[in-house]
Amino acid sequence: MTAATQLRPAFVLCSDDGNVVHADMVLAPNLAAGTVLPDVARVKTGHFSVELGGGVLQFSRVQTKCFSGYVGVTCIAGSQNSAIEKLESINDELETIFDFSHDGIVVADGQGVFFKVNASYERITGISRDKIIGETAWSIIDKGLVSDSATRHVLETGQPYTSQQTFRSGRQSVITASPVLNQEGKLVRVVTNVRDMTEINRLKEELAESQVKLHAYSKIVETLTDEQMFRDKMVFRSRAMSLVRDCAAKFAKVDAPLLITGESGVGKEVIADFVHANSLRKGHPYLKINCGAIPENLLESELFGYEGGAFTGARREGRTGLFEMANGGTVLLDEIGELSLGLQVKLLRFVQEKEFYRVGGKKVVKVDVRVIAATNRDLQEMVDQKQFRSDLFFRLNVLKIHVPALRERPEDVILLLNYMLDKFNRKHHVDKRISGDLYKGLVRHHWTGNVRELENLMERLVVVSDLGEITPDHLPEEVRRELYASPAVVANAELSYKEAKDEFEKTFLSQALAKYKSSRHVAEKLGVDHSTVVKKAARYGIKLMPRTADMADNFCRDE
């Protein structure tokens, strides 16, 4: 062999059968990848030389993790060791990438024998690599390690193969096996990728479950909406409620604060629902809070929210208040008369400026919310008694709707009875009816609890009556006694005519005040001056109840 006088260092790899798989430089036109070096297969010593026109290449047998064959270098001191070090460096880098892959990877040779497995494959499948390496694509099935082998399909068809499989670890995976061909098109490797789909499938299931729940909740909301009295269809016949409906429809189109007054149980919340549902904000949040049901020390944080650490027990991340959550929509403040004076100050700023500070916060929060307030108390009288701020009262009282008591519109009673009867017949899967005598009696009933009392009484009657017809016998004792007890006229011989007259006048006035609530209303119904009622009440020691509405406003007012 002759050496080239000016030979550059060269690096060549060839297989055990002499097939050149890599050439670092062209030493001769006929030496390139794919060239077969003659007589290499007969080499016994592990070393041989190849003489070329450009010099001599010295080959030595090398066995590493990623290569088995011969490494050839030019005969320069240190070149062979440098080439081996370079090969080892490349091998270490590839091994690191292989093991750090999040997907599981397993490699088999052309006969289906597995010789490489990464750590992710062990984690996903629950099978250690020492049980895989050395086994074939068929033996791992026979031994029950896997239910099927994608490598086997590739070896049998020569085509890529994808399948799904759940391993003994319980993890669900998508498996893709791909063939690796040499330059002659012969299959020499099968690389299988195992992707863990357990978490993705779990998230898909949770999403599907959430969609099912959302659909169910939507149905519940629709059902509740349909069953909620007055929500879309107001049940009334009276002129008084016709005025209320017209006012509600009119006020729904504007954004000014609205005050709804009326006795407990008349349906103030239902009117508020109607206003929101017919407003331009109907597609936005509609939130409600009962100001009398939450302790004063908690109500402020419920309405305005708080910053993290604002008080003992506060969440570290803070909390969004009702007004922020309702941004763009409507808030109903029920029982507004129960607010403390201190909280009224903060509410006034919000109603006027549409801005506030969270509890413990220093940053102004601006929102766009319409406020509807409702109360069964006489706010004007509370203002006179210094129990309610006048500035807040005037700010809330821009628009006003007064819902009349049920006893003031008896023509609505039968309509409501039939509505409630149908509602509870459907709810309890029965078919009850009301007798004529009961209709007559319930129309005369005083209904101190208004529509709420009627609703509760009808559900009770539907449930407790054993027969198909509900009669007066099914009424609660106190209601039956009020409706059907015979009045008794008792003459007390011990009283003088004047004393008897005074006793009658006192009783009559007490009953009138109990029925009509306010002294002004009593005076109107009895056809006497208001001052006469006040003087008589004072004379007989009868305490006047706060007036609940100014009837001169005819149920609604815009100012």
Protein backbone atom coordinates (compact mmCIF):
# COMPACT_ATOMS: atom_id res chain seq x y z
CA MET A 1 0.00 0.00 0.00
CA THR A 2 1.23 3.54 -0.75
CA ALA A 3 0.37 6.63 1.22
CA ALA A 4 -0.62 9.90 -0.41
CA THR A 5 1.92 12.61 -0.02
CA GLN A 6 -0.66 15.16 1.08
CA LEU A 7 -3.58 13.10 2.39
CA ARG A 8 -6.25 14.93 4.40
CA PRO A 9 -7.74 13.09 7.42
CA ALA A 10 -10.68 10.94 6.30
CA PHE A 11 -13.43 9.10 8.19
CA VAL A 12 -15.28 6.11 6.70
CA LEU A 13 -17.78 3.65 8.21
CA CYS A 14 -18.62 0.31 6.68
CA SER A 15 -20.67 -2.65 7.78
CA ASP A 16 -19.30 -6.12 8.55
CA ASP A 17 -19.98 -7.14 4.97
CA GLY A 18 -17.93 -4.20 3.59
CA ASN A 19 -20.84 -1.93 2.65
CA VAL A 20 -19.77 1.74 3.04
CA VAL A 21 -22.48 3.51 5.04
CA HIS A 22 -20.69 6.85 5.52
CA ALA A 23 -17.71 8.61 3.94
CA ASP A 24 -16.42 11.83 5.42
CA MET A 25 -14.58 12.78 2.20
CA VAL A 26 -14.20 11.55 -1.32
CA LEU A 27 -10.83 9.77 -1.56
CA ALA A 28 -11.62 8.36 -4.96
CA PRO A 29 -14.52 8.61 -7.39
CA ASN A 30 -15.59 5.08 -6.55
CA LEU A 31 -15.59 5.45 -2.72
CA ALA A 32 -18.93 6.73 -1.45
CA ALA A 33 -21.89 5.56 0.62
CA GLY A 34 -23.12 2.31 -0.83
CA THR A 35 -19.69 1.20 -2.14
CA VAL A 36 -18.79 -2.40 -1.21
CA LEU A 37 -15.20 -2.99 -0.16
CA PRO A 38 -13.98 -6.38 -1.41
CA ASP A 39 -12.96 -9.29 0.84
CA VAL A 40 -14.01 -7.56 4.07
CA ALA A 41 -16.22 -10.50 5.08
CA ARG A 42 -13.11 -12.75 5.13
CA VAL A 43 -11.16 -10.52 7.51
CA LYS A 44 -10.40 -12.50 10.71
CA THR A 45 -8.12 -10.14 12.64
CA GLY A 46 -10.53 -7.18 12.91
CA HIS A 47 -8.15 -4.94 10.96
CA PHE A 48 -7.54 -4.35 7.28
CA SER A 49 -6.28 -1.65 4.96
CA VAL A 50 -7.55 -0.31 1.68
CA GLU A 51 -5.13 1.26 -0.79
CA LEU A 52 -6.61 3.97 -2.94
CA GLY A 53 -5.17 6.44 -5.39
CA GLY A 54 -5.35 9.12 -2.74
CA GLY A 55 -3.64 7.11 0.00
CA VAL A 56 -4.32 4.33 2.53
CA LEU A 57 -7.32 3.85 4.81
CA GLN A 58 -6.77 1.77 7.93
CA PHE A 59 -9.95 -0.04 9.16
CA SER A 60 -10.56 -1.46 12.62
CA ARG A 61 -13.50 -3.43 13.99
CA VAL A 62 -15.72 -1.33 16.38
CA GLN A 63 -18.67 -2.43 18.49
CA THR A 64 -20.71 0.34 20.23
CA LYS A 65 -24.30 0.79 21.40
CA CYS A 66 -25.34 2.36 18.11
CA PHE A 67 -22.89 0.90 15.56
CA SER A 68 -21.38 -2.44 14.72
CA GLY A 69 -18.84 -2.56 11.87
CA TYR A 70 -15.54 -1.06 10.72
CA VAL A 71 -14.16 2.44 11.11
CA GLY A 72 -11.62 3.54 8.53
CA VAL A 73 -9.31 6.52 8.85
CA THR A 74 -6.23 7.78 7.06
CA CYS A 75 -2.99 6.67 8.57
CA ILE A 76 -2.35 9.73 10.71
CA ALA A 77 -1.58 9.36 14.41
CA GLY A 78 -4.62 9.87 16.58
CA SER A 79 -7.09 10.02 13.70
CA GLN A 80 -8.67 6.66 14.52
CA ASN A 81 -9.09 7.47 18.22
CA SER A 82 -10.56 10.86 17.30
CA ALA A 83 -13.03 9.19 15.00
CA ILE A 84 -14.10 6.74 17.69
CA GLU A 85 -14.52 9.54 20.25
CA LYS A 86 -16.64 11.46 17.77
CA LEU A 87 -18.79 8.40 17.20
CA GLU A 88 -19.20 7.85 20.96
CA SER A 89 -20.18 11.51 21.44
CA ILE A 90 -22.84 11.28 18.78
CA ASN A 91 -24.07 8.03 20.30
CA ASP A 92 -24.35 9.56 23.81
CA GLU A 93 -26.32 12.51 22.46
CA LEU A 94 -28.73 10.23 20.62
CA GLU A 95 -29.14 8.04 23.70
CA THR A 96 -30.03 11.09 25.81
CA ILE A 97 -32.61 12.26 23.28
CA PHE A 98 -34.00 8.73 23.08
CA ASP A 99 -34.46 8.38 26.84
CA PHE A 100 -35.80 11.89 27.40
CA SER A 101 -38.63 11.49 24.90
CA HIS A 102 -42.02 11.84 26.62
CA ASP A 103 -43.40 9.17 24.30
CA GLY A 104 -42.42 5.56 24.74
CA ILE A 105 -40.09 4.19 22.03
CA VAL A 106 -39.12 0.58 21.33
CA VAL A 107 -36.91 -0.57 18.43
CA ALA A 108 -36.71 -4.01 16.85
CA ASP A 109 -34.38 -5.37 14.17
CA GLY A 110 -35.41 -6.86 10.84
CA GLN A 111 -36.31 -10.16 12.49
CA GLY A 112 -38.57 -8.53 15.08
CA VAL A 113 -36.15 -8.84 18.01
CA PHE A 114 -36.35 -5.88 20.37
CA PHE A 115 -33.01 -4.35 21.29
CA LYS A 116 -33.80 -0.80 22.47
CA VAL A 117 -36.43 0.48 24.93
CA ASN A 118 -36.62 3.93 26.54
CA ALA A 119 -37.75 4.88 30.04
CA SER A 120 -41.06 6.38 28.91
CA TYR A 121 -42.06 3.03 27.39
CA GLU A 122 -41.55 1.41 30.79
CA ARG A 123 -43.58 4.15 32.52
CA ILE A 124 -46.50 4.01 30.10
CA THR A 125 -46.76 0.24 29.67
CA GLY A 126 -45.73 -0.85 33.15
CA ILE A 127 -43.31 -3.35 31.54
CA SER A 128 -39.60 -3.18 32.45
CA ARG A 129 -37.13 -3.13 29.59
CA ASP A 130 -35.39 -6.33 30.67
CA LYS A 131 -38.65 -8.18 29.88
CA ILE A 132 -38.73 -6.70 26.37
CA ILE A 133 -35.13 -6.64 25.17
CA GLY A 134 -34.25 -9.91 23.45
CA GLU A 135 -37.91 -10.87 22.96
CA THR A 136 -39.61 -10.91 19.57
CA ALA A 137 -42.78 -9.23 18.40
CA TRP A 138 -44.53 -12.59 18.65
CA SER A 139 -43.14 -13.80 21.97
CA ILE A 140 -44.31 -10.73 23.92
CA ILE A 141 -47.86 -11.58 22.83
CA ASP A 142 -47.47 -15.25 23.74
CA LYS A 143 -46.18 -14.31 27.19
CA GLY A 144 -49.13 -11.98 27.78
CA LEU A 145 -47.02 -8.83 28.07
CA VAL A 146 -49.18 -7.07 25.46
CA SER A 147 -52.44 -7.91 23.71
CA ASP A 148 -51.06 -7.09 20.26
CA SER A 149 -47.80 -5.96 18.68
CA ALA A 150 -47.65 -3.14 16.15
CA THR A 151 -44.12 -4.32 15.28
CA ARG A 152 -45.55 -7.66 14.16
CA HIS A 153 -47.97 -5.96 11.77
CA VAL A 154 -45.14 -3.92 10.22
CA LEU A 155 -42.94 -7.02 9.77
CA GLU A 156 -45.81 -8.87 8.12
CA THR A 157 -46.99 -6.06 5.83
CA GLY A 158 -43.98 -3.79 5.42
CA GLN A 159 -46.31 -0.84 6.02
CA PRO A 160 -46.70 1.60 8.94
CA TYR A 161 -49.32 0.52 11.45
CA THR A 162 -51.32 2.47 14.07
CA SER A 163 -53.57 1.07 16.79
CA GLN A 164 -54.90 1.79 20.29
CA GLN A 165 -54.12 -0.35 23.29
CA THR A 166 -54.62 -0.31 27.06
CA PHE A 167 -51.64 -1.73 28.91
CA ARG A 168 -51.48 -3.57 32.21
CA SER A 169 -50.66 -0.21 33.83
CA GLY A 170 -54.18 0.89 32.93
CA ARG A 171 -52.90 3.63 30.65
CA GLN A 172 -54.53 4.09 27.27
CA SER A 173 -52.16 4.67 24.35
CA VAL A 174 -51.96 5.27 20.63
CA ILE A 175 -49.22 3.11 19.10
CA THR A 176 -47.55 3.85 15.76
CA ALA A 177 -44.95 1.49 14.31
CA SER A 178 -42.87 2.52 11.28
CA PRO A 179 -40.48 0.45 9.09
CA VAL A 180 -36.88 1.56 8.49
CA LEU A 181 -35.42 0.42 5.15
CA ASN A 182 -31.80 0.31 3.95
CA GLN A 183 -30.60 1.52 0.56
CA GLU A 184 -31.65 -1.72 -1.06
CA GLY A 185 -35.19 -1.31 0.32
CA LYS A 186 -34.78 -4.10 2.82
CA LEU A 187 -36.53 -3.72 6.20
CA VAL A 188 -33.79 -3.53 8.83
CA ARG A 189 -35.54 -1.85 11.77
CA VAL A 190 -39.04 -1.22 13.19
CA VAL A 191 -39.42 1.87 15.38
CA THR A 192 -42.56 1.93 17.51
CA ASN A 193 -43.85 5.10 19.19
CA VAL A 194 -46.23 4.77 22.17
CA ARG A 195 -48.16 7.95 23.06
CA ASP A 196 -49.95 8.07 26.42
CA MET A 197 -53.56 9.17 25.80
CA THR A 198 -54.87 8.54 29.33
CA GLU A 199 -54.88 12.19 30.39
CA ILE A 200 -56.26 13.40 27.07
CA ASN A 201 -59.03 10.78 27.18
CA ARG A 202 -59.81 11.74 30.79
CA LEU A 203 -60.13 15.39 29.80
CA LYS A 204 -62.36 14.41 26.88
CA GLU A 205 -64.59 12.42 29.24
CA GLU A 206 -64.74 15.31 31.71
CA LEU A 207 -65.62 17.68 28.88
CA ALA A 208 -68.35 15.35 27.65
CA GLU A 209 -69.66 14.96 31.22
CA SER A 210 -69.63 18.73 31.69
CA GLN A 211 -71.57 19.19 28.45
CA VAL A 212 -74.15 16.65 29.62
CA LYS A 213 -74.46 18.45 32.97
CA LEU A 214 -74.69 21.82 31.23
CA HIS A 215 -77.49 20.48 29.06
CA ALA A 216 -79.26 19.09 32.11
CA TYR A 217 -78.84 22.35 34.04
CA SER A 218 -80.17 24.27 31.05
CA LYS A 219 -83.26 22.09 31.07
CA ILE A 220 -83.70 22.66 34.80
CA VAL A 221 -83.38 26.42 34.35
CA GLU A 222 -85.88 26.32 31.50
CA THR A 223 -88.29 24.32 33.66
CA LEU A 224 -87.91 26.69 36.58
CA THR A 225 -88.36 29.63 34.25
CA ASP A 226 -91.56 28.15 32.85
CA GLU A 227 -92.94 27.39 36.29
CA GLN A 228 -91.97 30.67 37.93
CA MET A 229 -95.14 32.72 38.27
CA PHE A 230 -95.31 35.87 36.15
CA ARG A 231 -91.86 35.24 34.62
CA ASP A 232 -93.05 35.34 31.02
CA LYS A 233 -96.82 35.34 31.54
CA MET A 234 -98.44 37.49 34.17
CA VAL A 235 -101.49 35.84 35.72
CA PHE A 236 -104.02 38.58 36.41
CA ARG A 237 -107.35 40.06 35.44
CA SER A 238 -107.48 43.17 37.59
CA ARG A 239 -107.00 46.74 36.46
CA ALA A 240 -104.45 47.24 39.24
CA MET A 241 -102.13 44.54 37.92
CA SER A 242 -102.63 45.77 34.39
CA LEU A 243 -101.13 49.07 35.51
CA VAL A 244 -98.24 47.24 37.16
CA ARG A 245 -97.52 45.30 33.98
CA ASP A 246 -97.62 48.43 31.84
CA CYS A 247 -95.24 50.21 34.20
CA ALA A 248 -92.86 47.22 34.27
CA ALA A 249 -92.81 47.04 30.46
CA LYS A 250 -92.18 50.78 30.22
CA PHE A 251 -89.44 50.88 32.84
CA ALA A 252 -87.71 47.82 31.36
CA LYS A 253 -86.58 49.93 28.40
CA VAL A 254 -84.59 52.41 30.49
CA ASP A 255 -81.55 52.02 32.73
CA ALA A 256 -82.50 54.20 35.71
CA PRO A 257 -82.72 52.67 39.22
CA LEU A 258 -86.08 51.08 39.98
CA LEU A 259 -87.79 50.71 43.37
CA ILE A 260 -90.46 48.01 43.73
CA THR A 261 -92.66 48.22 46.83
CA GLY A 262 -95.45 46.09 48.23
CA GLU A 263 -96.30 43.73 51.06
CA SER A 264 -94.44 40.50 51.54
CA GLY A 265 -95.53 37.82 49.10
CA VAL A 266 -97.14 40.03 46.45
CA GLY A 267 -94.53 39.12 43.78
CA LYS A 268 -92.01 41.96 43.83
CA GLU A 269 -89.20 39.64 42.75
CA VAL A 270 -91.32 38.35 39.89
CA ILE A 271 -91.88 41.90 38.65
CA ALA A 272 -88.11 42.49 38.83
CA ASP A 273 -87.60 39.30 36.78
CA PHE A 274 -90.07 40.61 34.20
CA VAL A 275 -88.26 43.96 33.98
CA HIS A 276 -84.87 42.33 33.39
CA ALA A 277 -86.26 39.79 30.91
CA ASN A 278 -87.73 42.61 28.80
CA SER A 279 -84.75 44.96 29.05
CA LEU A 280 -81.78 45.46 26.76
CA ARG A 281 -79.68 43.69 29.41
CA LYS A 282 -81.61 40.41 29.18
CA GLY A 283 -78.68 38.53 27.66
CA HIS A 284 -76.38 39.59 30.49
CA PRO A 285 -76.06 38.48 34.15
CA TYR A 286 -79.04 38.89 36.46
CA LEU A 287 -78.10 38.39 40.10
CA LYS A 288 -80.18 38.68 43.26
CA ILE A 289 -79.37 39.11 46.92
CA ASN A 290 -81.60 39.33 49.98
CA CYS A 291 -80.18 42.13 52.09
CA GLY A 292 -82.03 40.88 55.16
CA ALA A 293 -80.79 37.30 54.95
CA ILE A 294 -77.05 37.96 55.25
CA PRO A 295 -75.32 39.28 58.40
CA GLU A 296 -74.19 42.88 58.09
CA ASN A 297 -70.50 42.01 58.51
CA LEU A 298 -70.67 39.65 55.51
CA LEU A 299 -73.03 41.59 53.26
CA GLU A 300 -70.46 44.23 52.29
CA SER A 301 -67.99 41.62 51.02
CA GLU A 302 -70.81 39.78 49.20
CA LEU A 303 -71.81 42.95 47.37
CA PHE A 304 -68.44 44.57 46.73
CA GLY A 305 -65.97 41.68 47.05
CA TYR A 306 -62.69 41.85 48.92
CA GLU A 307 -58.94 41.76 48.40
CA GLY A 308 -56.82 38.87 49.64
CA GLY A 309 -56.09 39.10 53.36
CA ALA A 310 -58.65 41.88 53.88
CA PHE A 311 -59.87 40.22 57.07
CA THR A 312 -59.46 37.06 59.12
CA GLY A 313 -60.66 34.08 57.14
CA ALA A 314 -60.50 35.87 53.78
CA ARG A 315 -59.28 33.92 50.77
CA ARG A 316 -55.68 34.59 49.84
CA GLU A 317 -56.66 35.39 46.26
CA GLY A 318 -59.60 37.60 47.29
CA ARG A 319 -63.14 37.33 45.99
CA THR A 320 -65.24 39.00 43.31
CA GLY A 321 -68.41 40.66 44.60
CA LEU A 322 -71.94 40.56 43.26
CA PHE A 323 -71.68 43.88 41.44
CA GLU A 324 -68.55 42.82 39.55
CA MET A 325 -70.06 39.48 38.59
CA ALA A 326 -73.17 41.25 37.26
CA ASN A 327 -71.20 43.69 35.09
CA GLY A 328 -73.29 44.53 32.04
CA GLY A 329 -76.45 43.14 33.63
CA THR A 330 -78.87 43.71 36.49
CA VAL A 331 -78.76 43.30 40.28
CA LEU A 332 -81.86 42.92 42.45
CA LEU A 333 -81.39 44.11 46.03
CA ASP A 334 -84.33 42.56 47.85
CA GLU A 335 -85.34 43.86 51.30
CA ILE A 336 -83.28 47.00 50.73
CA GLY A 337 -84.79 48.49 53.89
CA GLU A 338 -82.71 46.09 56.00
CA LEU A 339 -79.38 47.68 54.99
CA SER A 340 -77.40 49.31 57.78
CA LEU A 341 -76.76 53.04 57.57
CA GLY A 342 -73.03 52.43 57.12
CA LEU A 343 -73.55 50.16 54.13
CA GLN A 344 -76.09 52.58 52.67
CA VAL A 345 -73.28 55.14 52.27
CA LYS A 346 -71.20 52.79 50.15
CA LEU A 347 -74.22 51.70 48.14
CA LEU A 348 -75.09 55.34 47.42
CA ARG A 349 -71.67 55.92 45.84
CA PHE A 350 -72.11 52.83 43.70
CA VAL A 351 -75.61 53.78 42.53
CA GLN A 352 -74.47 57.31 41.66
CA GLU A 353 -71.02 56.69 40.20
CA LYS A 354 -71.13 53.00 39.18
CA GLU A 355 -67.83 52.52 40.98
CA PHE A 356 -66.63 51.22 44.34
CA TYR A 357 -63.69 49.85 46.29
CA ARG A 358 -63.41 46.23 47.27
CA VAL A 359 -63.19 45.56 51.01
CA GLY A 360 -59.52 46.12 51.84
CA GLY A 361 -58.83 47.42 48.34
CA LYS A 362 -57.31 50.68 47.12
CA LYS A 363 -58.18 50.42 43.45
CA VAL A 364 -61.47 51.81 42.10
CA VAL A 365 -63.58 49.18 40.36
CA LYS A 366 -65.93 50.48 37.64
CA VAL A 367 -68.90 48.43 36.45
CA ASP A 368 -72.04 48.89 34.38
CA VAL A 369 -74.97 47.48 36.38
CA ARG A 370 -78.63 48.42 36.65
CA VAL A 371 -79.94 48.36 40.22
CA ILE A 372 -83.46 47.21 41.09
CA ALA A 373 -84.40 47.51 44.76
CA ALA A 374 -87.39 45.90 46.45
CA THR A 375 -88.88 46.35 49.91
CA ASN A 376 -92.02 45.71 51.94
CA ARG A 377 -91.24 48.61 54.25
CA ASP A 378 -92.20 52.27 54.00
CA LEU A 379 -88.83 53.83 53.10
CA GLN A 380 -90.24 57.37 53.31
CA GLU A 381 -91.25 56.79 56.92
CA MET A 382 -87.85 55.19 57.60
CA VAL A 383 -86.24 58.35 56.21
CA ASP A 384 -88.38 60.47 58.55
CA GLN A 385 -87.27 58.29 61.48
CA LYS A 386 -83.59 58.53 60.41
CA GLN A 387 -83.45 54.80 59.71
CA PHE A 388 -82.77 55.17 55.98
CA ARG A 389 -80.64 57.76 54.20
CA SER A 390 -82.71 60.29 52.30
CA ASP A 391 -80.10 60.68 49.52
CA LEU A 392 -80.09 56.94 48.86
CA PHE A 393 -83.88 56.82 48.99
CA PHE A 394 -84.22 59.58 46.39
CA ARG A 395 -81.57 57.93 44.19
CA LEU A 396 -83.36 54.57 44.27
CA ASN A 397 -86.82 56.10 43.95
CA VAL A 398 -86.29 57.50 40.44
CA LEU A 399 -88.71 54.89 39.06
CA LYS A 400 -91.24 53.19 41.28
CA ILE A 401 -93.68 50.31 40.97
CA HIS A 402 -96.08 49.42 43.77
CA VAL A 403 -97.49 45.88 43.64
CA PRO A 404 -100.96 45.85 45.26
CA ALA A 405 -101.91 43.28 47.88
CA LEU A 406 -103.98 40.31 46.70
CA ARG A 407 -106.96 41.32 48.89
CA GLU A 408 -107.08 44.59 46.92
CA ARG A 409 -107.61 42.71 43.65
CA PRO A 410 -109.97 39.83 44.46
CA GLU A 411 -110.77 39.38 40.78
CA ASP A 412 -107.30 37.80 40.40
CA VAL A 413 -107.85 35.12 43.08
CA ILE A 414 -109.75 32.54 40.99
CA LEU A 415 -107.31 32.94 38.09
CA LEU A 416 -104.36 32.39 40.45
CA LEU A 417 -106.07 29.43 42.14
CA ASN A 418 -106.49 27.70 38.78
CA TYR A 419 -102.91 28.51 37.78
CA MET A 420 -101.53 27.08 41.02
CA LEU A 421 -103.85 24.05 40.86
CA ASP A 422 -102.55 23.17 37.40
CA LYS A 423 -98.96 23.76 38.47
CA PHE A 424 -99.15 21.44 41.50
CA ASN A 425 -101.22 18.82 39.70
CA ARG A 426 -98.35 18.53 37.21
CA LYS A 427 -95.71 18.63 39.91
CA HIS A 428 -97.28 15.87 42.02
CA HIS A 429 -98.72 13.87 39.08
CA VAL A 430 -102.34 14.11 40.22
CA ASP A 431 -105.58 15.51 38.79
CA LYS A 432 -107.37 17.39 41.57
CA ARG A 433 -110.14 19.98 41.17
CA ILE A 434 -111.59 22.69 43.43
CA SER A 435 -115.22 22.59 44.56
CA GLY A 436 -117.53 25.56 44.01
CA ASP A 437 -117.92 26.15 47.75
CA LEU A 438 -114.17 26.31 48.17
CA TYR A 439 -113.84 28.81 45.32
CA LYS A 440 -116.39 31.08 47.03
CA GLY A 441 -114.67 30.80 50.39
CA LEU A 442 -111.15 31.47 49.10
CA VAL A 443 -112.29 34.58 47.23
CA ARG A 444 -113.46 35.96 50.61
CA HIS A 445 -110.19 35.02 52.33
CA HIS A 446 -108.10 37.95 53.58
CA TRP A 447 -104.78 36.61 52.13
CA THR A 448 -102.46 38.36 54.57
CA GLY A 449 -99.54 36.47 52.98
CA ASN A 450 -100.70 37.45 49.47
CA VAL A 451 -99.77 35.32 46.46
CA ARG A 452 -97.14 33.39 48.40
CA GLU A 453 -99.79 32.31 50.93
CA LEU A 454 -102.11 31.28 48.08
CA GLU A 455 -99.35 29.26 46.43
CA ASN A 456 -98.41 27.44 49.63
CA LEU A 457 -102.06 26.76 50.53
CA MET A 458 -102.81 25.31 47.10
CA GLU A 459 -99.85 22.93 47.23
CA ARG A 460 -100.95 21.75 50.66
CA LEU A 461 -104.53 21.18 49.47
CA VAL A 462 -103.37 19.24 46.39
CA VAL A 463 -101.16 17.00 48.53
CA VAL A 464 -103.42 16.35 51.55
CA SER A 465 -106.76 15.85 49.79
CA ASP A 466 -107.55 12.17 49.26
CA LEU A 467 -110.41 12.67 46.83
CA GLY A 468 -110.39 14.11 43.35
CA GLU A 469 -112.28 17.20 44.54
CA ILE A 470 -110.80 19.62 47.06
CA THR A 471 -113.50 20.93 49.43
CA PRO A 472 -113.59 23.33 52.40
CA ASP A 473 -113.10 20.30 54.68
CA HIS A 474 -109.49 20.07 53.45
CA LEU A 475 -108.65 23.62 54.56
CA PRO A 476 -106.39 24.18 57.57
CA GLU A 477 -108.44 24.74 60.74
CA GLU A 478 -107.48 28.39 61.12
CA VAL A 479 -108.50 29.22 57.54
CA ARG A 480 -111.76 27.28 57.75
CA ARG A 481 -112.67 28.98 61.04
CA GLU A 482 -112.07 32.42 59.50
CA LEU A 483 -114.12 31.68 56.37
CA TYR A 484 -117.06 29.72 57.73
CA ALA A 485 -117.57 30.65 61.40
CA SER A 486 -121.02 32.20 62.02
CA PRO A 487 -120.82 35.75 63.39
CA ALA A 488 -122.38 36.15 66.82
CA VAL A 489 -124.03 39.29 68.10
CA VAL A 490 -123.67 39.47 71.85
CA ALA A 491 -125.43 42.09 73.92
CA ASN A 492 -123.60 42.96 77.07
CA ALA A 493 -126.22 44.28 79.52
CA GLU A 494 -123.44 45.63 81.73
CA LEU A 495 -122.47 48.24 79.11
CA SER A 496 -124.24 51.49 78.48
CA TYR A 497 -125.23 52.44 74.95
CA LYS A 498 -122.27 54.83 74.69
CA GLU A 499 -119.85 52.21 76.02
CA ALA A 500 -121.19 49.61 73.62
CA LYS A 501 -120.91 52.12 70.78
CA ASP A 502 -117.29 52.89 71.70
CA GLU A 503 -116.50 49.18 71.95
CA PHE A 504 -117.97 48.58 68.51
CA GLU A 505 -116.13 51.58 67.02
CA LYS A 506 -112.82 50.41 68.48
CA THR A 507 -113.29 46.86 67.18
CA PHE A 508 -114.46 48.07 63.76
CA LEU A 509 -111.52 50.46 63.40
CA SER A 510 -109.02 47.80 64.54
CA GLN A 511 -110.34 45.34 61.96
CA ALA A 512 -110.23 47.98 59.21
CA LEU A 513 -106.63 48.87 60.03
CA ALA A 514 -105.67 45.20 60.09
CA LYS A 515 -107.23 44.74 56.67
CA TYR A 516 -106.12 47.93 54.91
CA LYS A 517 -102.84 48.46 56.80
CA SER A 518 -102.46 52.24 56.40
CA SER A 519 -104.61 54.95 57.98
CA ARG A 520 -104.93 56.73 54.65
CA HIS A 521 -106.27 53.63 52.98
CA VAL A 522 -108.73 53.06 55.85
CA ALA A 523 -109.99 56.63 55.55
CA GLU A 524 -110.46 56.17 51.82
CA LYS A 525 -112.36 52.89 52.20
CA LEU A 526 -114.59 54.15 55.07
CA GLY A 527 -115.30 57.47 53.42
CA VAL A 528 -113.99 59.64 56.25
CA ASP A 529 -111.20 62.18 56.65
CA HIS A 530 -107.73 60.87 57.35
CA SER A 531 -107.57 63.04 60.46
CA THR A 532 -110.71 61.31 61.82
CA VAL A 533 -109.02 57.90 61.58
CA VAL A 534 -105.88 59.20 63.28
CA LYS A 535 -107.89 60.81 66.14
CA LYS A 536 -110.06 57.73 66.69
CA ALA A 537 -106.98 55.49 66.73
CA ALA A 538 -105.34 57.75 69.30
CA ARG A 539 -108.52 57.81 71.41
CA TYR A 540 -108.77 54.02 71.56
CA GLY A 541 -105.03 53.41 71.87
CA ILE A 542 -104.76 51.70 68.49
CA LYS A 543 -101.24 51.74 67.08
CA LEU A 544 -101.14 52.85 63.46
CA MET A 545 -99.06 50.68 61.13
CA PRO A 546 -96.62 52.34 58.71
CA ARG A 547 -98.23 53.11 55.38
CA THR A 548 -96.84 50.81 52.69
CA ALA A 549 -97.46 52.99 49.66
CA ASP A 550 -98.75 56.31 48.49
CA MET A 551 -101.85 55.20 46.63
CA ALA A 552 -102.08 58.55 44.91
CA ASP A 553 -99.19 57.35 42.76
CA ASN A 554 -101.55 54.76 41.26
CA PHE A 555 -99.01 51.91 41.58
CA CYS A 556 -96.16 53.38 39.56
CA ARG A 557 -94.31 56.60 39.13
CA ASP A 558 -91.44 57.95 37.08
CA GLU A 559 -89.75 61.07 38.28
